[in-house]
Amino acid sequence: MDEQRFYNESNTIKSATLQCPSCRSSESYDLRWLLRKKKNAVPPGADERDRARFQKAQSYMVLLDDKV
């Protein structure tokens, strides 16, 4: 079973304060994130191996912006 069936995906924007390593100046930027929130129940058609993977799955975020 595909791992994406365990999650509800949505895009979100969060503000982050980043600091330049060379000049040490700080700026606030809006960064795009992909939010993968774990579903409440195991998807239908899952076997025992998929149920074990679902138990271990956690909600997480993936950064979409690679350059600021």
N, C-alpha and C. Protein backbone atom coordinates (compact mmCIF):
# COMPACT_ATOMS: atom_id res chain seq x y z
N MET A 1 0.85 -1.17 0.00
CA MET A 1 0.00 0.00 0.00
C MET A 1 0.90 1.24 0.00
N ASP A 2 0.48 2.25 -0.72
CA ASP A 2 1.23 3.49 -0.83
C ASP A 2 1.16 4.27 0.48
N GLU A 3 2.29 4.81 0.90
CA GLU A 3 2.37 5.55 2.16
C GLU A 3 1.46 6.78 2.17
N GLN A 4 1.21 7.38 1.01
CA GLN A 4 0.39 8.59 0.95
C GLN A 4 -1.06 8.32 1.36
N ARG A 5 -1.50 7.09 1.33
CA ARG A 5 -2.87 6.78 1.75
C ARG A 5 -3.03 6.86 3.26
N PHE A 6 -1.93 6.94 4.00
CA PHE A 6 -1.98 7.06 5.46
C PHE A 6 -2.18 8.50 5.91
N TYR A 7 -2.03 9.47 5.00
CA TYR A 7 -1.99 10.88 5.38
C TYR A 7 -3.00 11.72 4.60
N ASN A 8 -3.43 12.83 5.23
CA ASN A 8 -4.14 13.90 4.56
C ASN A 8 -3.12 15.00 4.32
N GLU A 9 -2.97 15.44 3.07
CA GLU A 9 -1.96 16.43 2.73
C GLU A 9 -2.60 17.80 2.52
N SER A 10 -1.91 18.83 2.99
CA SER A 10 -2.35 20.21 2.76
C SER A 10 -1.12 21.11 2.73
N ASN A 11 -1.23 22.22 2.02
CA ASN A 11 -0.15 23.20 1.97
C ASN A 11 -0.41 24.27 3.00
N THR A 12 0.65 24.76 3.63
CA THR A 12 0.54 25.81 4.62
C THR A 12 1.74 26.74 4.50
N ILE A 13 1.57 27.97 4.96
CA ILE A 13 2.65 28.95 4.95
C ILE A 13 2.91 29.36 6.39
N LYS A 14 4.18 29.28 6.78
CA LYS A 14 4.59 29.68 8.13
C LYS A 14 5.71 30.69 8.02
N SER A 15 5.69 31.64 8.92
CA SER A 15 6.73 32.66 8.95
C SER A 15 7.90 32.15 9.78
N ALA A 16 9.12 32.43 9.29
CA ALA A 16 10.33 32.02 10.00
C ALA A 16 11.34 33.16 9.95
N THR A 17 12.03 33.36 11.06
CA THR A 17 13.09 34.35 11.12
C THR A 17 14.41 33.65 10.85
N LEU A 18 15.08 34.06 9.76
CA LEU A 18 16.34 33.45 9.36
C LEU A 18 17.46 34.47 9.48
N GLN A 19 18.64 33.97 9.81
CA GLN A 19 19.80 34.84 10.02
C GLN A 19 20.86 34.52 8.97
N CYS A 20 21.40 35.55 8.34
CA CYS A 20 22.47 35.41 7.36
C CYS A 20 23.76 35.01 8.08
N PRO A 21 24.43 33.94 7.64
CA PRO A 21 25.64 33.51 8.33
C PRO A 21 26.83 34.46 8.14
N SER A 22 26.84 35.24 7.07
CA SER A 22 27.99 36.11 6.83
C SER A 22 27.84 37.48 7.49
N CYS A 23 26.67 38.11 7.35
CA CYS A 23 26.51 39.46 7.91
C CYS A 23 25.72 39.49 9.22
N ARG A 24 25.14 38.36 9.63
CA ARG A 24 24.40 38.22 10.89
C ARG A 24 23.12 39.07 10.96
N SER A 25 22.59 39.49 9.82
CA SER A 25 21.32 40.23 9.84
C SER A 25 20.16 39.23 9.83
N SER A 26 19.07 39.58 10.50
CA SER A 26 17.90 38.71 10.59
C SER A 26 16.76 39.29 9.78
N GLU A 27 16.05 38.42 9.09
CA GLU A 27 14.87 38.80 8.31
C GLU A 27 13.80 37.74 8.52
N SER A 28 12.55 38.16 8.35
CA SER A 28 11.43 37.24 8.47
C SER A 28 10.95 36.86 7.06
N TYR A 29 10.76 35.58 6.82
CA TYR A 29 10.34 35.08 5.52
C TYR A 29 9.14 34.16 5.69
N ASP A 30 8.26 34.15 4.68
CA ASP A 30 7.14 33.21 4.65
C ASP A 30 7.59 31.98 3.86
N LEU A 31 7.58 30.82 4.50
CA LEU A 31 8.03 29.58 3.88
C LEU A 31 6.84 28.66 3.64
N ARG A 32 6.84 28.00 2.48
CA ARG A 32 5.77 27.06 2.13
C ARG A 32 6.12 25.67 2.65
N TRP A 33 5.15 25.03 3.30
CA TRP A 33 5.33 23.69 3.86
C TRP A 33 4.22 22.77 3.36
N LEU A 34 4.54 21.50 3.20
CA LEU A 34 3.55 20.47 2.93
C LEU A 34 3.29 19.76 4.25
N LEU A 35 2.07 19.84 4.73
CA LEU A 35 1.69 19.23 6.01
C LEU A 35 1.05 17.88 5.72
N ARG A 36 1.64 16.82 6.26
CA ARG A 36 1.08 15.47 6.14
C ARG A 36 0.60 15.05 7.51
N LYS A 37 -0.73 15.04 7.65
CA LYS A 37 -1.35 14.70 8.93
C LYS A 37 -1.89 13.27 8.86
N LYS A 38 -1.52 12.47 9.84
CA LYS A 38 -1.91 11.06 9.87
C LYS A 38 -3.43 10.94 10.00
N LYS A 39 -4.01 10.03 9.22
CA LYS A 39 -5.45 9.78 9.28
C LYS A 39 -5.80 9.10 10.60
N ASN A 40 -7.06 9.18 10.97
CA ASN A 40 -7.52 8.60 12.24
C ASN A 40 -7.62 7.08 12.20
N ALA A 41 -7.88 6.52 11.02
CA ALA A 41 -8.08 5.07 10.92
C ALA A 41 -7.26 4.50 9.76
N VAL A 42 -7.00 3.21 9.83
CA VAL A 42 -6.27 2.52 8.77
C VAL A 42 -7.13 2.53 7.50
N PRO A 43 -6.54 2.84 6.34
CA PRO A 43 -7.31 2.83 5.10
C PRO A 43 -7.84 1.42 4.79
N PRO A 44 -8.99 1.33 4.13
CA PRO A 44 -9.53 0.01 3.79
C PRO A 44 -8.61 -0.71 2.81
N GLY A 45 -8.58 -2.03 2.91
CA GLY A 45 -7.75 -2.83 2.03
C GLY A 45 -6.33 -3.03 2.54
N ALA A 46 -6.07 -2.66 3.78
CA ALA A 46 -4.73 -2.80 4.35
C ALA A 46 -4.54 -4.20 4.92
N ASP A 47 -3.35 -4.77 4.68
CA ASP A 47 -3.04 -6.07 5.27
C ASP A 47 -2.29 -5.86 6.60
N GLU A 48 -1.81 -6.94 7.20
CA GLU A 48 -1.15 -6.84 8.51
C GLU A 48 0.11 -5.99 8.46
N ARG A 49 0.87 -6.11 7.38
CA ARG A 49 2.10 -5.32 7.25
C ARG A 49 1.77 -3.82 7.16
N ASP A 50 0.71 -3.48 6.40
CA ASP A 50 0.29 -2.08 6.29
C ASP A 50 -0.22 -1.55 7.62
N ARG A 51 -0.91 -2.38 8.38
CA ARG A 51 -1.40 -1.96 9.70
C ARG A 51 -0.24 -1.65 10.64
N ALA A 52 0.82 -2.45 10.58
CA ALA A 52 2.00 -2.20 11.41
C ALA A 52 2.69 -0.90 10.99
N ARG A 53 2.79 -0.65 9.69
CA ARG A 53 3.38 0.60 9.20
C ARG A 53 2.53 1.80 9.62
N PHE A 54 1.19 1.63 9.60
CA PHE A 54 0.30 2.72 9.99
C PHE A 54 0.46 3.05 11.48
N GLN A 55 0.66 2.04 12.31
CA GLN A 55 0.86 2.27 13.75
C GLN A 55 2.10 3.12 14.00
N LYS A 56 3.16 2.92 13.22
CA LYS A 56 4.41 3.65 13.39
C LYS A 56 4.40 5.03 12.73
N ALA A 57 3.47 5.26 11.83
CA ALA A 57 3.43 6.53 11.08
C ALA A 57 3.12 7.70 12.01
N GLN A 58 3.72 8.86 11.71
CA GLN A 58 3.50 10.09 12.47
C GLN A 58 3.23 11.24 11.51
N SER A 59 2.53 12.25 11.99
CA SER A 59 2.33 13.46 11.20
C SER A 59 3.65 14.21 11.10
N TYR A 60 3.88 14.85 9.94
CA TYR A 60 5.12 15.60 9.76
C TYR A 60 4.94 16.67 8.69
N MET A 61 5.94 17.55 8.59
CA MET A 61 5.93 18.64 7.61
C MET A 61 7.17 18.54 6.72
N VAL A 62 7.01 18.91 5.44
CA VAL A 62 8.10 18.91 4.47
C VAL A 62 8.23 20.32 3.92
N LEU A 63 9.44 20.86 3.95
CA LEU A 63 9.69 22.20 3.44
C LEU A 63 9.68 22.17 1.91
N LEU A 64 8.85 23.02 1.28
CA LEU A 64 8.75 23.05 -0.17
C LEU A 64 9.71 24.07 -0.78
N ASP A 65 9.99 25.16 -0.08
CA ASP A 65 10.89 26.19 -0.59
C ASP A 65 12.33 25.77 -0.34
N ASP A 66 13.12 25.64 -1.42
CA ASP A 66 14.52 25.27 -1.23
C ASP A 66 15.44 26.48 -1.29
N LYS A 67 14.93 27.62 -1.78
CA LYS A 67 15.71 28.87 -1.78
C LYS A 67 14.83 29.98 -1.23
N VAL A 68 15.43 30.86 -0.44
CA VAL A 68 14.68 31.97 0.16
C VAL A 68 15.19 33.27 -0.42
